[in-house]
Every structure is written in C-alpha cells, then in structure tokens.
Amino acid sequence: MRNRVWCAGVAWIALSACSSEPATEPMEAVTQEDSAGIAITTLGLVDPPLARPVDPTPAVSIASEGPGDAWRLFRVSALAITARGDLVVANRGESELLLFGADGRLRATVGREGDGPGEFRSLMHATAAGDEILALDFLPRRVTRFAGDGAYVDDFALDASAGRPLELHWTPEGLVGASFDLPDEYEATDELSPIRRTARFTLFDERGHATRVIAEAPGPEMHMVSQQVDGGMVTSSTAPVVQHTTHHALLGHRLVVGHTARWEFTVYDLDGTARRVLRAPALTRPTTESAWRARVDARAVTLRANLGDEAASALRVLDQLAEAPRPETLPAFGRIVGGDDGRLWVAPESAPATGGITWLVVEPSSGSMEAVEVPRRFSLRVVEDGLLWGVLRDDFDVESIVAYRLPD
C-alpha cells in the first residue's frame, strides 16, 4: 500500500432510554489507498452505535381499506420516486403498477396480467427514469416504459446473454440489472450437492443491449438433493443452515456490492472500476459451535411445524445439512439501501424477536456512522428527501406503504 493514510472521526448521537440528552461517542475510521488507487476505509468500532428511533407515526400511510377497493397491496416488490415526487409501487401479486401522488392519493393503476403491450407475465421490479417509469417483467426479460401518468410508451427486451435480472435501476449512464445466474451444469444425487449462483451486475443501454459487466460476486448457495418418493426420484433444493449471499444498492451513480461473509462493501463506478472499499471487521461474526447448533435446531423446529407428518424425509436432509462443511462466518448483514444523501443503509441479517430493527447508516468516504431504529415489520426500500419509504406488514401479513421521517 502507498503511504497515504488519513483518519476521520466517526461520531453518532445515542439517545438514552432514560434521558433526553444526546450523548456523543467518538470513534475513528482509517482510510488507506492501495496500489490500484482504491480507497479502503476501515471502521474501528467494537459495538454499533445506539440507535435513534423514528417517530412511530408515519408521515405517509397508504393501505387498501377492504375487499371492495379497486386495488389492494399484495406482494409489493419495489418502490420508486419519480422526479416530480410521485410514488411508484410494483404490486407484483396483482401484476400492476400503482401510481400515487406525494399526498398518498392514488393517481393511476397501470398494467395487468398478460403478454400484450403494458401487460406483465411476472412483474418483478420498477424504477423511475426522471418522470418516466420502467417496469421489469422477469420471465420474458422485458422492460416496459410508461409516461408519468401511466400511459404506455413502448417496451424492449434485455439481452439474454446478461442472465435474467431480478432488479433494474435507472441511471443517466444506463440501466443497471442485477441477476443471480445458475452454473451451466450441475447434478443432484442422494447426497447434498452444493450449487452456488453468481451475482452479476450488468449495464444496459436505453434499448436493453448489454454494454458491460460492472461486477460479479458469489450469489446464494443452495443444496440440491434427490430422494426416493412414491417409487420415483424427486429432486429438490434447500438452503444451507447458514446461507451467504450478495446484496447491492445504487448510491448516486455508483454501485455498491457486498457479500454477507464479511461486513464489507465495494463501491464501483458504472464502468466497472472499483473506487472504494468500506469495511468493519468487528461486525463480522464467526460461526461458533453454539451458533451453528442453534440454527440447526431452529431449522428442525420450522420443518416440523410446516411439514407435520412429512417432516421425516426433510429432517433426514437436515441431518446432512448439519454435517456439511460450515462457513467460517455468519451473515454479517442483510439488505442494503442507498440514500439520496450519499449514505449507505445496512440492515442486520434478520429482525429481532422483539423491538425494532436497527439499520446502520454509513457515509462511505468518511466512515461516519449512525444507527436508526425502525419498526420490526417494516421493510425499508427507498430513502429520499428525509423520508424512509417501505412496506409495513401487520400481524396478519397485510401490507401497507408507509414513510417515516428521519430522526432529527
């Protein structure tokens, strides 16, 4: 490494449960530049900062009111904000886009199930391109363009050579697609066969032609296994006891990619150049024996509850899973979201049994960090103009769209 080292003070505000006075605890981040010119920022924290909770009363709340409504939220897969401030909801379970004004009022319902213009076979994602809307139809690899009022404009197919993207993000430089590709060949036997997908991030032009691969990373690993069932062989897949994967986010005009084996993220320009690495070694957790056994036991409980009398064969597979090589670390984080202020939002691997979810909020260039707590059943999707937009589920798994204000 070059002898270029500079430090930044990392500070956060911790709100005490018994005091309204904010407390500040400084922490140091160190940035070094390697021989390739990549800035590597290492956070020196031992414990994450204490979280500031959002106001539990949403600034905006959108929910269908009952079976008589003309629309209902079901399996929402994406949210996006247009340039004029309208909210786009990819309502995947209903094969439609819902367009709301900034006041939360429904402006238009767009699309339906089908293969025709403006229709969707498998609506997966949506992104805002200025005032226009681009919707991703997963199975046909088709992108449909709508005007801001929901009127159909045109559609085009994405290059099949770039895999089958699950998400699509608009940037001025092109469309960024994220796919998880299976290996070209794999074989399932009566023993567990590990299969690892590859996470591929591709830049497409405005007509869907793949122009370059921005980055690749290890995707989720699955185990394939064939079992004798009613005189025949049935092949199924199951997740490992500890499953690592790759998460991504757009941060301005850059792509952030992180693999859950470590609390570490790489920031790429869209030409594929790695510009920065952000890491916190103290937040990478080893897979201890007790942690491993706890996860094996939890999987067994889930299998018995879900399968009942059919659990025996699944539990035999679980025995194989328990004896499989275990990863060195537990997943260090869950989803990540890029904020419009240039900060990266990092979720924990899973929600706690009680209380809220604490997201770590990091400024990549300086390493400054704070923590924000949101309700446990809230899934953050978009951070824009001081609002946290996401999907909130009630105790019956009924979905609503809410926006919480960032804590002051």
Protein backbone atom coordinates (compact mmCIF):
# COMPACT_ATOMS: atom_id res chain seq x y z
CA MET A 1 0.00 0.00 0.00
CA ARG A 2 1.05 3.58 -0.53
CA ASN A 3 1.95 5.65 2.49
CA ARG A 4 -1.25 7.62 2.29
CA VAL A 5 -3.25 7.27 5.47
CA TRP A 6 -5.80 9.67 6.81
CA CYS A 7 -8.20 9.42 9.71
CA ALA A 8 -11.71 10.70 10.24
CA GLY A 9 -13.58 11.00 13.48
CA VAL A 10 -16.75 8.94 13.44
CA ALA A 11 -19.45 10.28 15.72
CA TRP A 12 -23.06 9.40 16.36
CA ILE A 13 -25.81 10.55 18.63
CA ALA A 14 -27.10 7.95 21.08
CA LEU A 15 -30.47 8.57 22.67
CA SER A 16 -30.73 7.15 26.15
CA ALA A 17 -33.93 5.44 27.23
CA CYS A 18 -33.90 7.39 30.49
CA SER A 19 -32.65 10.77 29.29
CA SER A 20 -33.49 13.19 26.51
CA GLU A 21 -29.90 14.49 26.45
CA PRO A 22 -27.95 13.26 23.41
CA ALA A 23 -24.62 11.55 24.10
CA THR A 24 -21.76 11.63 21.61
CA GLU A 25 -19.13 8.89 21.49
CA PRO A 26 -16.28 9.43 19.01
CA MET A 27 -14.82 6.57 17.01
CA GLU A 28 -12.03 6.55 14.48
CA ALA A 29 -12.06 5.36 10.87
CA VAL A 30 -8.85 4.90 8.94
CA THR A 31 -8.62 5.23 5.15
CA GLN A 32 -5.70 3.84 3.16
CA GLU A 33 -5.16 3.80 -0.58
CA ASP A 34 -3.84 0.61 -2.16
CA SER A 35 -1.55 0.32 -5.18
CA ALA A 36 -4.54 0.29 -7.55
CA GLY A 37 -5.79 3.60 -6.16
CA ILE A 38 -8.73 2.04 -4.29
CA ALA A 39 -9.53 3.84 -1.03
CA ILE A 40 -10.05 1.32 1.79
CA THR A 41 -11.90 2.71 4.80
CA THR A 42 -11.82 0.55 7.94
CA LEU A 43 -14.20 1.35 10.77
CA GLY A 44 -12.64 0.81 14.16
CA LEU A 45 -15.84 0.32 16.12
CA VAL A 46 -16.29 -2.58 18.53
CA ASP A 47 -20.03 -2.16 19.08
CA PRO A 48 -22.51 -0.43 16.77
CA PRO A 49 -23.81 2.97 17.91
CA LEU A 50 -27.02 3.17 19.88
CA ALA A 51 -29.99 3.74 17.60
CA ARG A 52 -32.27 6.74 17.29
CA PRO A 53 -35.85 5.59 16.71
CA VAL A 54 -38.07 7.05 14.00
CA ASP A 55 -41.34 8.65 15.01
CA PRO A 56 -43.73 5.65 15.15
CA THR A 57 -46.46 7.71 13.45
CA PRO A 58 -45.81 7.58 9.69
CA ALA A 59 -45.63 10.82 7.71
CA VAL A 60 -47.45 8.99 4.88
CA SER A 61 -49.50 5.80 5.09
CA ILE A 62 -51.13 4.02 2.14
CA ALA A 63 -53.29 0.93 2.59
CA SER A 64 -56.20 -0.70 0.82
CA GLU A 65 -59.26 -0.42 3.00
CA GLY A 66 -61.07 -3.65 2.26
CA PRO A 67 -62.28 -6.14 -0.34
CA GLY A 68 -64.43 -3.50 -2.06
CA ASP A 69 -61.42 -1.40 -3.06
CA ALA A 70 -60.46 -1.22 -6.71
CA TRP A 71 -56.90 -2.16 -5.73
CA ARG A 72 -55.07 -3.92 -2.93
CA LEU A 73 -51.43 -4.23 -1.97
CA PHE A 74 -50.16 -7.78 -2.42
CA ARG A 75 -46.53 -8.88 -2.62
CA VAL A 76 -45.09 -5.43 -3.22
CA SER A 77 -41.69 -5.96 -4.85
CA ALA A 78 -40.39 -2.42 -5.43
CA LEU A 79 -40.94 1.27 -4.70
CA ALA A 80 -39.60 4.21 -6.68
CA ILE A 81 -39.94 8.00 -6.58
CA THR A 82 -40.25 9.93 -9.85
CA ALA A 83 -38.58 13.30 -10.49
CA ARG A 84 -41.81 15.13 -9.69
CA GLY A 85 -42.21 13.27 -6.40
CA ASP A 86 -44.83 10.65 -7.28
CA LEU A 87 -44.59 7.19 -5.74
CA VAL A 88 -44.45 4.09 -7.97
CA VAL A 89 -45.41 0.75 -6.40
CA ALA A 90 -44.64 -2.54 -8.17
CA ASN A 91 -47.63 -4.53 -6.89
CA ARG A 92 -46.27 -7.87 -8.00
CA GLY A 93 -49.05 -10.09 -6.66
CA GLU A 94 -51.61 -8.20 -8.74
CA SER A 95 -49.40 -7.75 -11.86
CA GLU A 96 -49.81 -3.98 -11.79
CA LEU A 97 -48.14 -0.69 -11.01
CA LEU A 98 -49.84 1.70 -8.61
CA LEU A 99 -49.04 5.41 -9.00
CA PHE A 100 -49.57 7.71 -6.03
CA GLY A 101 -49.14 11.44 -5.67
CA ALA A 102 -46.90 12.91 -2.98
CA ASP A 103 -50.04 13.24 -0.81
CA GLY A 104 -50.57 9.46 -0.88
CA ARG A 105 -53.64 9.58 -3.15
CA LEU A 106 -53.91 7.01 -5.92
CA ARG A 107 -53.43 8.60 -9.35
CA ALA A 108 -53.44 5.56 -11.62
CA THR A 109 -53.43 1.78 -11.78
CA VAL A 110 -51.26 0.53 -14.63
CA GLY A 111 -50.99 -2.89 -16.26
CA ARG A 112 -52.49 -6.31 -15.73
CA GLU A 113 -51.50 -9.94 -16.24
CA GLY A 114 -50.86 -10.83 -19.87
CA ASP A 115 -48.43 -10.67 -22.79
CA GLY A 116 -49.71 -7.58 -24.59
CA PRO A 117 -48.36 -4.03 -24.54
CA GLY A 118 -48.41 -2.66 -20.99
CA GLU A 119 -49.14 -6.12 -19.51
CA PHE A 120 -46.95 -8.33 -17.30
CA ARG A 121 -46.34 -12.05 -17.08
CA SER A 122 -44.18 -11.77 -13.98
CA LEU A 123 -43.78 -8.20 -12.75
CA MET A 124 -40.60 -8.13 -10.68
CA HIS A 125 -39.29 -4.58 -10.27
CA ALA A 126 -39.79 -0.94 -11.23
CA THR A 127 -37.54 2.11 -11.40
CA ALA A 128 -38.07 5.79 -12.11
CA ALA A 129 -36.31 7.38 -15.09
CA GLY A 130 -36.95 11.05 -14.46
CA ASP A 131 -40.72 11.37 -14.77
CA GLU A 132 -40.99 8.12 -16.72
CA ILE A 133 -41.39 4.64 -15.24
CA LEU A 134 -39.62 1.44 -16.30
CA ALA A 135 -41.15 -1.87 -15.23
CA LEU A 136 -39.22 -5.17 -15.35
CA ASP A 137 -41.10 -8.31 -16.45
CA PHE A 138 -38.92 -11.18 -15.22
CA LEU A 139 -39.79 -14.19 -17.39
CA PRO A 140 -39.69 -12.51 -20.82
CA ARG A 141 -36.80 -10.21 -19.77
CA ARG A 142 -38.97 -7.34 -20.95
CA VAL A 143 -38.81 -3.71 -19.85
CA THR A 144 -41.95 -1.60 -20.36
CA ARG A 145 -41.75 2.19 -20.40
CA PHE A 146 -44.66 4.28 -19.11
CA ALA A 147 -45.17 8.02 -19.01
CA GLY A 148 -45.53 9.71 -15.64
CA ASP A 149 -49.33 9.46 -15.86
CA GLY A 150 -49.15 5.70 -16.52
CA ALA A 151 -49.67 5.81 -20.30
CA TYR A 152 -47.89 3.04 -22.20
CA VAL A 153 -44.93 4.30 -24.27
CA ASP A 154 -43.03 1.25 -25.55
CA ASP A 155 -41.17 -1.87 -24.46
CA PHE A 156 -37.93 -3.69 -25.23
CA ALA A 157 -36.16 -6.93 -24.30
CA LEU A 158 -32.96 -7.19 -22.29
CA ASP A 159 -30.05 -9.13 -23.78
CA ALA A 160 -30.47 -12.80 -22.86
CA SER A 161 -26.68 -13.08 -22.57
CA ALA A 162 -26.84 -10.98 -19.40
CA GLY A 163 -28.89 -13.51 -17.43
CA ARG A 164 -32.37 -12.83 -16.11
CA PRO A 165 -32.30 -9.72 -13.89
CA LEU A 166 -34.38 -9.61 -10.72
CA GLU A 167 -33.92 -5.86 -10.32
CA LEU A 168 -33.37 -2.94 -12.68
CA HIS A 169 -32.16 0.54 -11.74
CA TRP A 170 -32.14 3.60 -13.98
CA THR A 171 -29.10 5.90 -14.05
CA PRO A 172 -28.08 8.60 -16.56
CA GLU A 173 -25.38 6.20 -17.82
CA GLY A 174 -27.80 3.35 -18.49
CA LEU A 175 -29.80 0.63 -16.75
CA VAL A 176 -28.17 -1.48 -14.05
CA GLY A 177 -29.54 -5.03 -13.90
CA ALA A 178 -28.90 -7.49 -11.07
CA SER A 179 -29.18 -11.22 -11.83
CA PHE A 180 -28.30 -14.42 -9.95
CA ASP A 181 -27.16 -16.99 -12.50
CA LEU A 182 -27.00 -20.77 -12.03
CA PRO A 183 -23.88 -22.60 -13.20
CA ASP A 184 -24.11 -24.06 -16.70
CA GLU A 185 -24.01 -27.64 -15.38
CA TYR A 186 -24.86 -29.25 -12.06
CA GLU A 187 -26.01 -32.67 -10.91
CA ALA A 188 -28.20 -33.67 -7.98
CA THR A 189 -27.63 -37.00 -6.19
CA ASP A 190 -28.93 -38.59 -2.99
CA GLU A 191 -26.20 -36.67 -1.18
CA LEU A 192 -26.28 -32.92 -0.81
CA SER A 193 -24.81 -31.19 -3.87
CA PRO A 194 -23.89 -27.54 -3.26
CA ILE A 195 -24.88 -25.20 -6.09
CA ARG A 196 -23.73 -21.58 -5.98
CA ARG A 197 -25.29 -18.89 -8.12
CA THR A 198 -23.26 -15.97 -9.42
CA ALA A 199 -24.43 -12.43 -8.75
CA ARG A 200 -23.91 -10.41 -11.94
CA PHE A 201 -24.42 -6.68 -12.32
CA THR A 202 -24.77 -5.55 -15.93
CA LEU A 203 -25.06 -2.13 -17.52
CA PHE A 204 -27.63 -1.96 -20.34
CA ASP A 205 -28.23 0.87 -22.78
CA GLU A 206 -31.64 2.51 -23.20
CA ARG A 207 -32.80 -0.27 -25.57
CA GLY A 208 -31.69 -3.20 -23.41
CA HIS A 209 -28.35 -4.02 -25.07
CA ALA A 210 -25.74 -5.18 -22.54
CA THR A 211 -22.74 -2.88 -22.74
CA ARG A 212 -20.57 -4.23 -19.92
CA VAL A 213 -20.49 -6.30 -16.75
CA ILE A 214 -19.89 -3.91 -13.87
CA ALA A 215 -19.15 -6.54 -11.23
CA GLU A 216 -19.63 -10.18 -10.29
CA ALA A 217 -19.77 -11.74 -6.83
CA PRO A 218 -20.77 -15.03 -5.17
CA GLY A 219 -24.54 -15.42 -5.07
CA PRO A 220 -26.64 -17.54 -2.70
CA GLU A 221 -25.67 -21.17 -2.27
CA MET A 222 -28.32 -23.88 -2.41
CA HIS A 223 -28.11 -27.64 -1.91
CA MET A 224 -29.72 -29.96 -4.45
CA VAL A 225 -30.73 -33.46 -3.33
CA SER A 226 -32.63 -36.34 -4.96
CA GLN A 227 -34.89 -38.52 -2.81
CA GLN A 228 -36.99 -41.63 -3.40
CA VAL A 229 -40.65 -40.60 -3.15
CA ASP A 230 -43.55 -42.98 -4.01
CA GLY A 231 -41.35 -45.12 -6.22
CA GLY A 232 -39.77 -42.21 -8.10
CA MET A 233 -36.86 -39.82 -7.68
CA VAL A 234 -37.70 -36.24 -6.77
CA THR A 235 -35.06 -33.52 -6.89
CA SER A 236 -35.46 -30.56 -4.58
CA SER A 237 -33.39 -27.67 -3.34
CA THR A 238 -32.82 -26.49 0.18
CA ALA A 239 -30.90 -23.60 1.67
CA PRO A 240 -27.86 -24.35 3.82
CA VAL A 241 -28.10 -23.83 7.56
CA VAL A 242 -26.09 -20.64 7.18
CA GLN A 243 -26.68 -19.02 3.81
CA HIS A 244 -24.47 -16.25 2.48
CA THR A 245 -25.41 -14.11 -0.49
CA THR A 246 -24.60 -10.81 -2.18
CA HIS A 247 -26.61 -7.61 -1.71
CA HIS A 248 -26.36 -4.42 -3.74
CA ALA A 249 -27.57 -0.83 -3.85
CA LEU A 250 -27.24 2.20 -6.10
CA LEU A 251 -25.57 5.12 -4.36
CA GLY A 252 -25.90 8.07 -6.67
CA HIS A 253 -24.34 6.95 -9.96
CA ARG A 254 -22.28 4.21 -8.33
CA LEU A 255 -22.97 0.57 -7.50
CA VAL A 256 -22.34 -0.82 -4.01
CA VAL A 257 -21.88 -4.58 -3.67
CA GLY A 258 -21.34 -6.60 -0.50
CA HIS A 259 -21.11 -10.33 0.24
CA THR A 260 -22.50 -11.31 3.63
CA ALA A 261 -19.49 -13.41 4.67
CA ARG A 262 -17.92 -10.12 5.83
CA TRP A 263 -19.15 -6.65 6.78
CA GLU A 264 -17.51 -5.20 3.71
CA PHE A 265 -18.74 -3.29 0.67
CA THR A 266 -17.10 -2.33 -2.62
CA VAL A 267 -18.17 0.85 -4.42
CA TYR A 268 -17.93 0.67 -8.23
CA ASP A 269 -18.18 3.25 -10.97
CA LEU A 270 -20.56 2.01 -13.65
CA ASP A 271 -17.59 1.35 -15.97
CA GLY A 272 -16.58 -1.42 -13.55
CA THR A 273 -13.81 0.48 -11.77
CA ALA A 274 -13.66 -0.25 -8.04
CA ARG A 275 -13.29 3.09 -6.24
CA ARG A 276 -13.68 2.34 -2.55
CA VAL A 277 -13.93 -0.48 -0.03
CA LEU A 278 -15.77 0.09 3.24
CA ARG A 279 -15.33 -2.50 5.98
CA ALA A 280 -15.84 -3.10 9.68
CA PRO A 281 -14.01 -6.28 10.74
CA ALA A 282 -15.53 -6.10 14.24
CA LEU A 283 -19.01 -6.62 12.75
CA THR A 284 -18.01 -9.88 11.01
CA ARG A 285 -19.15 -12.74 13.24
CA PRO A 286 -17.52 -16.21 13.40
CA THR A 287 -19.71 -19.32 13.17
CA THR A 288 -19.28 -20.73 16.67
CA GLU A 289 -20.44 -24.21 17.64
CA SER A 290 -23.29 -22.80 19.72
CA ALA A 291 -24.45 -20.53 16.89
CA TRP A 292 -24.35 -23.45 14.45
CA ARG A 293 -26.35 -25.78 16.70
CA ALA A 294 -28.90 -23.03 17.41
CA ARG A 295 -29.53 -22.62 13.68
CA VAL A 296 -29.77 -26.36 13.08
CA ASP A 297 -32.30 -26.65 15.90
CA ALA A 298 -34.29 -23.68 14.61
CA ARG A 299 -34.46 -25.22 11.11
CA ALA A 300 -35.72 -28.51 12.61
CA VAL A 301 -38.47 -26.69 14.51
CA THR A 302 -39.54 -24.87 11.35
CA LEU A 303 -39.59 -28.07 9.29
CA ARG A 304 -41.71 -29.91 11.84
CA ALA A 305 -44.15 -27.01 12.12
CA ASN A 306 -44.51 -26.60 8.36
CA LEU A 307 -44.48 -30.21 7.22
CA GLY A 308 -46.00 -32.23 10.05
CA ASP A 309 -46.08 -35.92 9.11
CA GLU A 310 -43.99 -35.24 6.01
CA ALA A 311 -41.15 -33.84 8.07
CA ALA A 312 -39.23 -37.12 8.36
CA SER A 313 -37.63 -37.01 4.92
CA ALA A 314 -36.89 -33.30 5.28
CA LEU A 315 -35.28 -33.95 8.65
CA ARG A 316 -33.05 -36.56 7.05
CA VAL A 317 -31.88 -33.85 4.70
CA LEU A 318 -31.37 -31.58 7.71
CA ASP A 319 -29.08 -34.22 9.23
CA GLN A 320 -26.96 -33.98 6.09
CA LEU A 321 -27.04 -30.18 6.28
CA ALA A 322 -25.86 -30.29 9.88
CA GLU A 323 -22.85 -32.41 8.86
CA ALA A 324 -22.00 -30.29 5.82
CA PRO A 325 -18.94 -28.02 5.99
CA ARG A 326 -19.96 -24.90 7.84
CA PRO A 327 -18.92 -21.42 6.72
CA GLU A 328 -16.36 -19.60 8.82
CA THR A 329 -18.68 -16.66 9.46
CA LEU A 330 -22.35 -15.90 10.00
CA PRO A 331 -24.07 -13.43 7.68
CA ALA A 332 -22.75 -10.02 8.71
CA PHE A 333 -25.69 -8.00 7.36
CA GLY A 334 -28.97 -8.20 5.48
CA ARG A 335 -30.31 -5.86 2.80
CA ILE A 336 -28.66 -2.56 1.88
CA VAL A 337 -30.26 0.63 0.54
CA GLY A 338 -28.63 3.72 -0.96
CA GLY A 339 -29.91 7.06 0.32
CA ASP A 340 -30.25 10.18 -1.83
CA ASP A 341 -27.83 11.93 0.55
CA GLY A 342 -24.99 9.55 -0.42
CA ARG A 343 -25.18 7.40 2.71
CA LEU A 344 -25.46 3.61 2.72
CA TRP A 345 -28.14 1.96 4.87
CA VAL A 346 -27.21 -1.52 6.15
CA ALA A 347 -29.75 -3.85 7.79
CA PRO A 348 -28.96 -6.67 10.21
CA GLU A 349 -29.21 -10.24 8.93
CA SER A 350 -32.66 -10.73 10.45
CA ALA A 351 -35.24 -8.91 12.54
CA PRO A 352 -35.13 -9.40 16.31
CA ALA A 353 -37.89 -11.32 18.03
CA THR A 354 -39.00 -8.15 19.81
CA GLY A 355 -38.31 -4.45 19.41
CA GLY A 356 -37.34 -2.59 16.28
CA ILE A 357 -34.78 -3.17 13.52
CA THR A 358 -31.58 -1.14 13.74
CA TRP A 359 -30.12 -0.01 10.42
CA LEU A 360 -26.53 1.27 10.37
CA VAL A 361 -26.18 4.40 8.23
CA VAL A 362 -22.67 4.99 6.86
CA GLU A 363 -21.08 7.78 4.83
CA PRO A 364 -18.63 5.76 2.70
CA SER A 365 -15.97 8.43 2.11
CA SER A 366 -15.52 9.42 5.76
CA GLY A 367 -16.76 6.31 7.56
CA SER A 368 -19.07 8.39 9.76
CA MET A 369 -21.87 6.25 11.12
CA GLU A 370 -25.12 6.46 12.98
CA ALA A 371 -27.93 4.00 13.68
CA VAL A 372 -31.66 4.37 13.10
CA GLU A 373 -34.35 2.10 14.52
CA VAL A 374 -37.50 1.34 12.51
CA PRO A 375 -40.48 -0.87 13.39
CA ARG A 376 -39.72 -4.60 13.29
CA ARG A 377 -42.14 -5.42 10.47
CA PHE A 378 -41.06 -2.52 8.27
CA SER A 379 -39.02 -3.29 5.13
CA LEU A 380 -37.07 -0.21 4.02
CA ARG A 381 -36.93 0.31 0.23
CA VAL A 382 -36.22 3.99 -0.55
CA VAL A 383 -34.54 6.85 1.35
CA GLU A 384 -35.32 10.21 -0.22
CA ASP A 385 -35.92 13.81 0.93
CA GLY A 386 -35.71 12.90 4.61
CA LEU A 387 -38.30 10.10 4.34
CA LEU A 388 -37.85 6.36 4.78
CA TRP A 389 -40.25 4.64 2.36
CA GLY A 390 -41.05 0.97 2.72
CA VAL A 391 -43.54 -1.83 3.21
CA LEU A 392 -45.09 -2.39 6.63
CA ARG A 393 -46.81 -5.69 7.47
CA ASP A 394 -49.30 -6.09 10.28
CA ASP A 395 -49.71 -9.22 12.42
CA PHE A 396 -51.81 -10.80 9.66
CA ASP A 397 -49.17 -10.04 6.99
CA VAL A 398 -51.38 -7.40 5.38
CA GLU A 399 -49.18 -4.90 3.57
CA SER A 400 -49.24 -1.12 3.60
CA ILE A 401 -46.87 1.52 2.22
CA VAL A 402 -45.55 3.94 4.82
CA ALA A 403 -42.95 6.70 5.03
CA TYR A 404 -41.26 7.61 8.30
CA ARG A 405 -39.37 10.84 8.83
CA LEU A 406 -35.68 10.61 9.57
CA PRO A 407 -34.95 11.38 13.24
CA ASP A 408 -33.71 14.95 13.79
